[in-house]
C-alpha cells in the first residue's frame, strides 16, 4: 500500500479552516463620531407667537389649514432646512 502525502495536508487545512470559522469575524471597527461644525458669528433665533393650534373636531377626509408666523429674532441668518407636521 502506497501512502499519499495528500491526506495530512487535507487534514491540516480542515483543522485550520474550522478554527478560523469558529473564531468568527474580526472585531467591527468603531463607529466614527459625526463631524461637528463650530458656529461663528451671530446666532439666529426662531420665534413663533402661537406655536400650537387646535383644529377642534375634524371629520375624516376634511382639509384643514393654518398658517404659523415664524420670525427670526436673532442676529444671524435663520435657515429652515426641514419642517414636518405633527
PDB file of N, CA and C in Angstrom:
ATOM      1  N   UNK A   1       0.830  -1.176   0.000  1.00  0.00           N
ATOM      2  CA  UNK A   1       0.000   0.000   0.000  1.00  0.00           C
ATOM      3  C   UNK A   1       0.878   1.243   0.000  1.00  0.00           C
ATOM      4  N   UNK A   2       0.548   2.180  -0.886  1.00  0.00           N
ATOM      5  CA  UNK A   2       1.323   3.409  -1.026  1.00  0.00           C
ATOM      6  C   UNK A   2       0.669   4.499  -0.198  1.00  0.00           C
ATOM      7  N   UNK A   3       1.462   5.167   0.656  1.00  0.00           N
ATOM      8  CA  UNK A   3       0.940   6.262   1.464  1.00  0.00           C
ATOM      9  C   UNK A   3       0.996   7.538   0.639  1.00  0.00           C
ATOM     10  N   UNK A   4      -0.062   8.273   0.716  1.00  0.00           N
ATOM     11  CA  UNK A   4      -0.125   9.526  -0.034  1.00  0.00           C
ATOM     12  C   UNK A   4       0.227  10.687   0.882  1.00  0.00           C
ATOM     13  N   UNK A   5       0.907  11.688   0.339  1.00  0.00           N
ATOM     14  CA  UNK A   5       1.247  12.893   1.098  1.00  0.00           C
ATOM     15  C   UNK A   5       0.087  13.890   1.087  1.00  0.00           C
ATOM     16  N   UNK A   6      -0.951  13.571   0.375  1.00  0.00           N
ATOM     17  CA  UNK A   6      -2.105  14.440   0.232  1.00  0.00           C
ATOM     18  C   UNK A   6      -2.937  14.510   1.513  1.00  0.00           C
ATOM     19  N   UNK A   7      -3.171  13.394   2.190  1.00  0.00           N
ATOM     20  CA  UNK A   7      -4.079  13.319   3.334  1.00  0.00           C
ATOM     21  C   UNK A   7      -3.630  14.166   4.529  1.00  0.00           C
ATOM     22  N   UNK A   8      -2.385  14.185   4.911  1.00  0.00           N
ATOM     23  CA  UNK A   8      -2.005  15.053   6.049  1.00  0.00           C
ATOM     24  C   UNK A   8      -2.261  16.536   5.746  1.00  0.00           C
ATOM     25  N   UNK A   9      -2.033  16.939   4.529  1.00  0.00           N
ATOM     26  CA  UNK A   9      -2.273  18.341   4.159  1.00  0.00           C
ATOM     27  C   UNK A   9      -3.761  18.666   4.193  1.00  0.00           C
ATOM     28  N   UNK A  10      -4.567  17.740   3.736  1.00  0.00           N
ATOM     29  CA  UNK A  10      -6.009  17.945   3.759  1.00  0.00           C
ATOM     30  C   UNK A  10      -6.516  18.081   5.192  1.00  0.00           C
ATOM     31  N   UNK A  11      -6.024  17.225   6.093  1.00  0.00           N
ATOM     32  CA  UNK A  11      -6.428  17.321   7.499  1.00  0.00           C
ATOM     33  C   UNK A  11      -5.973  18.649   8.121  1.00  0.00           C
ATOM     34  N   UNK A  12      -4.804  19.098   7.799  1.00  0.00           N
ATOM     35  CA  UNK A  12      -4.295  20.362   8.337  1.00  0.00           C
ATOM     36  C   UNK A  12      -5.141  21.540   7.846  1.00  0.00           C
ATOM     37  N   UNK A  13      -5.494  21.526   6.579  1.00  0.00           N
ATOM     38  CA  UNK A  13      -6.316  22.604   6.026  1.00  0.00           C
ATOM     39  C   UNK A  13      -7.691  22.606   6.688  1.00  0.00           C
ATOM     40  N   UNK A  14      -8.291  21.439   6.861  1.00  0.00           N
ATOM     41  CA  UNK A  14      -9.604  21.352   7.519  1.00  0.00           C
ATOM     42  C   UNK A  14      -9.539  21.837   8.956  1.00  0.00           C
ATOM     43  N   UNK A  15      -8.483  21.468   9.667  1.00  0.00           N
ATOM     44  CA  UNK A  15      -8.336  21.867  11.064  1.00  0.00           C
ATOM     45  C   UNK A  15      -8.218  23.385  11.191  1.00  0.00           C
ATOM     46  N   UNK A  16      -7.359  24.005  10.387  1.00  0.00           N
ATOM     47  CA  UNK A  16      -7.165  25.454  10.458  1.00  0.00           C
ATOM     48  C   UNK A  16      -8.396  26.217   9.955  1.00  0.00           C
ATOM     49  N   UNK A  17      -9.073  25.667   8.958  1.00  0.00           N
ATOM     50  CA  UNK A  17     -10.283  26.324   8.445  1.00  0.00           C
ATOM     51  C   UNK A  17     -11.380  26.325   9.493  1.00  0.00           C
ATOM     52  N   UNK A  18     -11.562  25.188  10.173  1.00  0.00           N
ATOM     53  CA  UNK A  18     -12.613  25.127  11.182  1.00  0.00           C
ATOM     54  C   UNK A  18     -12.274  26.024  12.371  1.00  0.00           C
ATOM     55  N   UNK A  19     -11.019  26.156  12.731  1.00  0.00           N
ATOM     56  CA  UNK A  19     -10.626  27.045  13.831  1.00  0.00           C
ATOM     57  C   UNK A  19     -10.890  28.497  13.451  1.00  0.00           C
ATOM     58  N   UNK A  20     -10.618  28.853  12.218  1.00  0.00           N
ATOM     59  CA  UNK A  20     -10.845  30.226  11.769  1.00  0.00           C
ATOM     60  C   UNK A  20     -12.340  30.535  11.715  1.00  0.00           C
ATOM     61  N   UNK A  21     -13.160  29.600  11.279  1.00  0.00           N
ATOM     62  CA  UNK A  21     -14.603  29.811  11.223  1.00  0.00           C
ATOM     63  C   UNK A  21     -15.202  29.889  12.627  1.00  0.00           C
ATOM     64  N   UNK A  22     -14.676  29.093  13.554  1.00  0.00           N
ATOM     65  CA  UNK A  22     -15.197  29.110  14.925  1.00  0.00           C
ATOM     66  C   UNK A  22     -14.882  30.439  15.609  1.00  0.00           C
ATOM     67  N   UNK A  23     -13.777  31.060  15.249  1.00  0.00           N
ATOM     68  CA  UNK A  23     -13.398  32.335  15.857  1.00  0.00           C
ATOM     69  C   UNK A  23     -14.331  33.449  15.420  1.00  0.00           C
ATOM     70  N   UNK A  24     -14.980  33.279  14.291  1.00  0.00           N
ATOM     71  CA  UNK A  24     -15.918  34.292  13.800  1.00  0.00           C
ATOM     72  C   UNK A  24     -15.177  35.448  13.141  1.00  0.00           C
ATOM     73  N   UNK A  25     -15.965  36.426  12.662  1.00  0.00           N
ATOM     74  CA  UNK A  25     -15.329  37.572  12.018  1.00  0.00           C
ATOM     75  C   UNK A  25     -14.586  38.410  13.052  1.00  0.00           C
ATOM     76  N   UNK A  26     -13.658  39.167  12.601  1.00  0.00           N
ATOM     77  CA  UNK A  26     -12.879  40.026  13.489  1.00  0.00           C
ATOM     78  C   UNK A  26     -13.746  41.119  14.089  1.00  0.00           C
ATOM     79  N   UNK A  27     -13.178  41.882  14.989  1.00  0.00           N
ATOM     80  CA  UNK A  27     -13.960  42.948  15.625  1.00  0.00           C
ATOM     81  C   UNK A  27     -14.391  44.002  14.616  1.00  0.00           C
ATOM     82  N   UNK A  28     -15.582  44.551  14.856  1.00  0.00           N
ATOM     83  CA  UNK A  28     -16.088  45.590  13.972  1.00  0.00           C
ATOM     84  C   UNK A  28     -15.355  46.894  14.266  1.00  0.00           C
ATOM     85  N   UNK A  29     -15.081  47.684  13.243  1.00  0.00           N
ATOM     86  CA  UNK A  29     -14.435  48.963  13.508  1.00  0.00           C
ATOM     87  C   UNK A  29     -15.373  49.869  14.298  1.00  0.00           C
ATOM     88  N   UNK A  30     -14.796  50.670  15.164  1.00  0.00           N
ATOM     89  CA  UNK A  30     -15.593  51.590  15.981  1.00  0.00           C
ATOM     90  C   UNK A  30     -16.267  52.622  15.086  1.00  0.00           C
ATOM     91  N   UNK A  31     -17.546  52.934  15.369  1.00  0.00           N
ATOM     92  CA  UNK A  31     -18.230  53.953  14.553  1.00  0.00           C
ATOM     93  C   UNK A  31     -17.572  55.316  14.764  1.00  0.00           C
ATOM     94  N   UNK A  32     -17.503  56.055  13.694  1.00  0.00           N
ATOM     95  CA  UNK A  32     -16.889  57.369  13.770  1.00  0.00           C
ATOM     96  C   UNK A  32     -17.911  58.385  14.251  1.00  0.00           C
ATOM     97  N   UNK A  33     -17.460  59.277  15.088  1.00  0.00           N
ATOM     98  CA  UNK A  33     -18.334  60.340  15.589  1.00  0.00           C
ATOM     99  C   UNK A  33     -18.658  61.299  14.457  1.00  0.00           C
ATOM    100  N   UNK A  34     -19.896  61.823  14.432  1.00  0.00           N
ATOM    101  CA  UNK A  34     -20.232  62.787  13.387  1.00  0.00           C
ATOM    102  C   UNK A  34     -19.374  64.045  13.532  1.00  0.00           C
ATOM    103  N   UNK A  35     -19.041  64.613  12.410  1.00  0.00           N
ATOM    104  CA  UNK A  35     -18.228  65.820  12.419  1.00  0.00           C
ATOM    105  C   UNK A  35     -19.096  67.000  12.845  1.00  0.00           C
ATOM    106  N   UNK A  36     -18.578  67.771  13.740  1.00  0.00           N
ATOM    107  CA  UNK A  36     -19.304  68.944  14.198  1.00  0.00           C
ATOM    108  C   UNK A  36     -18.696  70.191  13.581  1.00  0.00           C
ATOM    109  N   UNK A  37     -19.550  71.150  13.353  1.00  0.00           N
ATOM    110  CA  UNK A  37     -19.109  72.416  12.783  1.00  0.00           C
ATOM    111  C   UNK A  37     -19.333  73.485  13.844  1.00  0.00           C
ATOM    112  N   UNK A  38     -18.288  74.209  14.146  1.00  0.00           N
ATOM    113  CA  UNK A  38     -18.420  75.283  15.124  1.00  0.00           C
ATOM    114  C   UNK A  38     -19.002  76.510  14.450  1.00  0.00           C
ATOM    115  N   UNK A  39     -20.029  77.066  15.089  1.00  0.00           N
ATOM    116  CA  UNK A  39     -20.670  78.256  14.552  1.00  0.00           C
ATOM    117  C   UNK A  39     -19.822  79.481  14.886  1.00  0.00           C
ATOM    118  N   UNK A  40     -19.739  80.346  13.927  1.00  0.00           N
ATOM    119  CA  UNK A  40     -19.035  81.605  14.156  1.00  0.00           C
ATOM    120  C   UNK A  40     -19.977  82.737  13.785  1.00  0.00           C
ATOM    121  N   UNK A  41     -19.819  83.852  14.422  1.00  0.00           N
ATOM    122  CA  UNK A  41     -20.654  84.998  14.108  1.00  0.00           C
ATOM    123  C   UNK A  41     -21.940  84.988  14.899  1.00  0.00           C
ATOM    124  N   UNK A  42     -22.833  85.874  14.555  1.00  0.00           N
ATOM    125  CA  UNK A  42     -24.087  85.982  15.302  1.00  0.00           C
ATOM    126  C   UNK A  42     -24.995  84.774  15.074  1.00  0.00           C
ATOM    127  N   UNK A  43     -25.772  84.434  16.097  1.00  0.00           N
ATOM    128  CA  UNK A  43     -26.651  83.266  16.022  1.00  0.00           C
ATOM    129  C   UNK A  43     -28.069  83.667  15.648  1.00  0.00           C
ATOM    130  N   UNK A  44     -28.756  82.819  14.886  1.00  0.00           N
ATOM    131  CA  UNK A  44     -30.176  83.059  14.616  1.00  0.00           C
ATOM    132  C   UNK A  44     -31.005  82.628  15.824  1.00  0.00           C
ATOM    133  N   UNK A  45     -32.221  83.097  15.917  1.00  0.00           N
ATOM    134  CA  UNK A  45     -33.137  82.675  16.977  1.00  0.00           C
ATOM    135  C   UNK A  45     -34.548  82.701  16.407  1.00  0.00           C
ATOM    136  N   UNK A  46     -35.201  81.540  16.471  1.00  0.00           N
ATOM    137  CA  UNK A  46     -36.545  81.425  15.909  1.00  0.00           C
ATOM    138  C   UNK A  46     -37.586  81.798  16.961  1.00  0.00           C
ATOM    139  N   UNK A  47     -38.648  82.461  16.529  1.00  0.00           N
ATOM    140  CA  UNK A  47     -39.744  82.826  17.425  1.00  0.00           C
ATOM    141  C   UNK A  47     -41.064  82.605  16.702  1.00  0.00           C
ATOM    142  N   UNK A  48     -42.065  82.172  17.468  1.00  0.00           N
ATOM    143  CA  UNK A  48     -43.406  81.950  16.932  1.00  0.00           C
ATOM    144  C   UNK A  48     -44.391  82.420  17.993  1.00  0.00           C
ATOM    145  N   UNK A  49     -45.278  83.354  17.623  1.00  0.00           N
ATOM    146  CA  UNK A  49     -46.233  83.892  18.593  1.00  0.00           C
ATOM    147  C   UNK A  49     -47.138  82.804  19.160  1.00  0.00           C
ATOM    148  N   UNK A  50     -47.667  81.947  18.305  1.00  0.00           N
ATOM    149  CA  UNK A  50     -48.557  80.862  18.735  1.00  0.00           C
ATOM    150  C   UNK A  50     -48.036  79.557  18.133  1.00  0.00           C
ATOM    151  N   UNK A  51     -47.154  78.826  18.856  1.00  0.00           N
ATOM    152  CA  UNK A  51     -46.535  77.621  18.293  1.00  0.00           C
ATOM    153  C   UNK A  51     -47.460  76.409  18.191  1.00  0.00           C
ATOM    154  N   UNK A  52     -48.678  76.482  18.739  1.00  0.00           N
ATOM    155  CA  UNK A  52     -49.613  75.360  18.590  1.00  0.00           C
ATOM    156  C   UNK A  52     -50.986  75.899  18.195  1.00  0.00           C
ATOM    157  N   UNK A  53     -51.766  75.009  17.579  1.00  0.00           N
ATOM    158  CA  UNK A  53     -53.099  75.407  17.134  1.00  0.00           C
ATOM    159  C   UNK A  53     -54.019  74.203  17.262  1.00  0.00           C
ATOM    160  N   UNK A  54     -55.212  74.386  17.811  1.00  0.00           N
ATOM    161  CA  UNK A  54     -56.192  73.313  17.974  1.00  0.00           C
ATOM    162  C   UNK A  54     -57.234  73.438  16.872  1.00  0.00           C
ATOM    163  N   UNK A  55     -57.315  72.440  16.019  1.00  0.00           N
ATOM    164  CA  UNK A  55     -58.288  72.448  14.928  1.00  0.00           C
ATOM    165  C   UNK A  55     -59.683  72.063  15.395  1.00  0.00           C
ATOM    166  N   UNK A  56     -59.825  71.608  16.625  1.00  0.00           N
ATOM    167  CA  UNK A  56     -61.136  71.187  17.113  1.00  0.00           C
ATOM    168  C   UNK A  56     -61.522  69.852  16.507  1.00  0.00           C
ATOM    169  N   UNK A  57     -62.814  69.603  16.399  1.00  0.00           N
ATOM    170  CA  UNK A  57     -63.310  68.351  15.804  1.00  0.00           C
ATOM    171  C   UNK A  57     -63.259  68.456  14.287  1.00  0.00           C
ATOM    172  N   UNK A  58     -62.617  67.497  13.663  1.00  0.00           N
ATOM    173  CA  UNK A  58     -62.479  67.475  12.204  1.00  0.00           C
ATOM    174  C   UNK A  58     -62.906  66.101  11.720  1.00  0.00           C
ATOM    175  N   UNK A  59     -63.772  66.063  10.737  1.00  0.00           N
ATOM    176  CA  UNK A  59     -64.204  64.788  10.151  1.00  0.00           C
ATOM    177  C   UNK A  59     -63.102  64.226   9.269  1.00  0.00           C
ATOM    178  N   UNK A  60     -63.057  62.920   9.208  1.00  0.00           N
ATOM    179  CA  UNK A  60     -62.046  62.267   8.386  1.00  0.00           C
ATOM    180  C   UNK A  60     -62.221  62.681   6.932  1.00  0.00           C
ATOM    181  N   UNK A  61     -61.119  63.051   6.302  1.00  0.00           N
ATOM    182  CA  UNK A  61     -61.141  63.456   4.903  1.00  0.00           C
ATOM    183  C   UNK A  61     -61.263  64.954   4.699  1.00  0.00           C
ATOM    184  N   UNK A  62     -61.629  65.708   5.744  1.00  0.00           N
ATOM    185  CA  UNK A  62     -61.713  67.166   5.620  1.00  0.00           C
ATOM    186  C   UNK A  62     -60.316  67.773   5.539  1.00  0.00           C
ATOM    187  N   UNK A  63     -60.176  68.786   4.713  1.00  0.00           N
ATOM    188  CA  UNK A  63     -58.916  69.519   4.632  1.00  0.00           C
ATOM    189  C   UNK A  63     -58.951  70.652   5.646  1.00  0.00           C
ATOM    190  N   UNK A  64     -57.895  70.768   6.417  1.00  0.00           N
ATOM    191  CA  UNK A  64     -57.782  71.863   7.383  1.00  0.00           C
ATOM    192  C   UNK A  64     -56.452  72.565   7.152  1.00  0.00           C
ATOM    193  N   UNK A  65     -56.443  73.867   7.364  1.00  0.00           N
ATOM    194  CA  UNK A  65     -55.232  74.648   7.141  1.00  0.00           C
ATOM    195  C   UNK A  65     -55.063  75.665   8.260  1.00  0.00           C
ATOM    196  N   UNK A  66     -53.813  75.973   8.533  1.00  0.00           N
ATOM    197  CA  UNK A  66     -53.487  77.033   9.479  1.00  0.00           C
ATOM    198  C   UNK A  66     -52.111  77.578   9.102  1.00  0.00           C
ATOM    199  N   UNK A  67     -51.927  78.847   9.248  1.00  0.00           N
ATOM    200  CA  UNK A  67     -50.644  79.477   8.934  1.00  0.00           C
ATOM    201  C   UNK A  67     -49.960  79.850  10.242  1.00  0.00           C
ATOM    202  N   UNK A  68     -48.749  79.384  10.417  1.00  0.00           N
ATOM    203  CA  UNK A  68     -47.928  79.756  11.564  1.00  0.00           C
ATOM    204  C   UNK A  68     -46.978  80.857  11.125  1.00  0.00           C
ATOM    205  N   UNK A  69     -46.913  81.911  11.898  1.00  0.00           N
ATOM    206  CA  UNK A  69     -45.980  83.006  11.599  1.00  0.00           C
ATOM    207  C   UNK A  69     -44.693  82.768  12.373  1.00  0.00           C
ATOM    208  N   UNK A  70     -43.615  82.596  11.631  1.00  0.00           N
ATOM    209  CA  UNK A  70     -42.304  82.349  12.222  1.00  0.00           C
ATOM    210  C   UNK A  70     -41.420  83.537  11.914  1.00  0.00           C
ATOM    211  N   UNK A  71     -40.642  83.928  12.911  1.00  0.00           N
ATOM    212  CA  UNK A  71     -39.818  85.121  12.763  1.00  0.00           C
ATOM    213  C   UNK A  71     -38.419  84.848  13.314  1.00  0.00           C
ATOM    214  N   UNK A  72     -37.415  85.405  12.671  1.00  0.00           N
ATOM    215  CA  UNK A  72     -36.045  85.326  13.156  1.00  0.00           C
ATOM    216  C   UNK A  72     -35.780  86.562  14.013  1.00  0.00           C
ATOM    217  N   UNK A  73     -35.617  86.355  15.311  1.00  0.00           N
ATOM    218  CA  UNK A  73     -35.351  87.482  16.207  1.00  0.00           C
ATOM    219  C   UNK A  73     -33.873  87.539  16.597  1.00  0.00           C
ATOM    220  N   UNK A  74     -33.052  86.696  15.986  1.00  0.00           N
ATOM    221  CA  UNK A  74     -31.614  86.699  16.243  1.00  0.00           C
ATOM    222  C   UNK A  74     -30.895  87.579  15.257  1.00  0.00           C
ATOM    223  N   UNK A  75     -29.590  87.630  15.401  1.00  0.00           N
ATOM    224  CA  UNK A  75     -28.761  88.475  14.529  1.00  0.00           C
ATOM    225  C   UNK A  75     -28.249  87.714  13.300  1.00  0.00           C
ATOM    226  N   UNK A  76     -28.200  86.390  13.379  1.00  0.00           N
ATOM    227  CA  UNK A  76     -27.691  85.591  12.264  1.00  0.00           C
ATOM    228  C   UNK A  76     -28.798  85.177  11.311  1.00  0.00           C
ATOM    229  N   UNK A  77     -28.402  84.537  10.220  1.00  0.00           N
ATOM    230  CA  UNK A  77     -29.343  84.074   9.200  1.00  0.00           C
ATOM    231  C   UNK A  77     -30.001  82.785   9.691  1.00  0.00           C
ATOM    232  N   UNK A  78     -31.335  82.753   9.677  1.00  0.00           N
ATOM    233  CA  UNK A  78     -32.090  81.566  10.063  1.00  0.00           C
ATOM    234  C   UNK A  78     -32.371  80.749   8.809  1.00  0.00           C
ATOM    235  N   UNK A  79     -31.885  79.526   8.810  1.00  0.00           N
ATOM    236  CA  UNK A  79     -32.075  78.648   7.650  1.00  0.00           C
ATOM    237  C   UNK A  79     -32.916  77.447   8.082  1.00  0.00           C
ATOM    238  N   UNK A  80     -34.131  77.336   7.550  1.00  0.00           N
ATOM    239  CA  UNK A  80     -35.025  76.214   7.858  1.00  0.00           C
ATOM    240  C   UNK A  80     -34.859  75.198   6.737  1.00  0.00           C
ATOM    241  N   UNK A  81     -34.287  74.046   7.089  1.00  0.00           N
ATOM    242  CA  UNK A  81     -33.985  73.031   6.085  1.00  0.00           C
ATOM    243  C   UNK A  81     -35.077  71.961   5.985  1.00  0.00           C
ATOM    244  N   UNK A  82     -35.783  71.702   7.094  1.00  0.00           N
ATOM    245  CA  UNK A  82     -36.845  70.696   7.082  1.00  0.00           C
ATOM    246  C   UNK A  82     -37.955  71.145   8.013  1.00  0.00           C
ATOM    247  N   UNK A  83     -39.167  70.766   7.678  1.00  0.00           N
ATOM    248  CA  UNK A  83     -40.319  71.010   8.533  1.00  0.00           C
ATOM    249  C   UNK A  83     -41.302  69.866   8.325  1.00  0.00           C
ATOM    250  N   UNK A  84     -41.984  69.480   9.398  1.00  0.00           N
ATOM    251  CA  UNK A  84     -42.980  68.427   9.281  1.00  0.00           C
ATOM    252  C   UNK A  84     -44.111  68.673  10.257  1.00  0.00           C
ATOM    253  N   UNK A  85     -45.280  68.243   9.903  1.00  0.00           N
ATOM    254  CA  UNK A  85     -46.443  68.374  10.767  1.00  0.00           C
ATOM    255  C   UNK A  85     -46.456  67.287  11.823  1.00  0.00           C
ATOM    256  N   UNK A  86     -47.128  67.545  12.904  1.00  0.00           N
ATOM    257  CA  UNK A  86     -47.136  66.563  13.988  1.00  0.00           C
ATOM    258  C   UNK A  86     -48.472  65.946  14.207  1.00  0.00           C
TER     259      UNK A  86
END
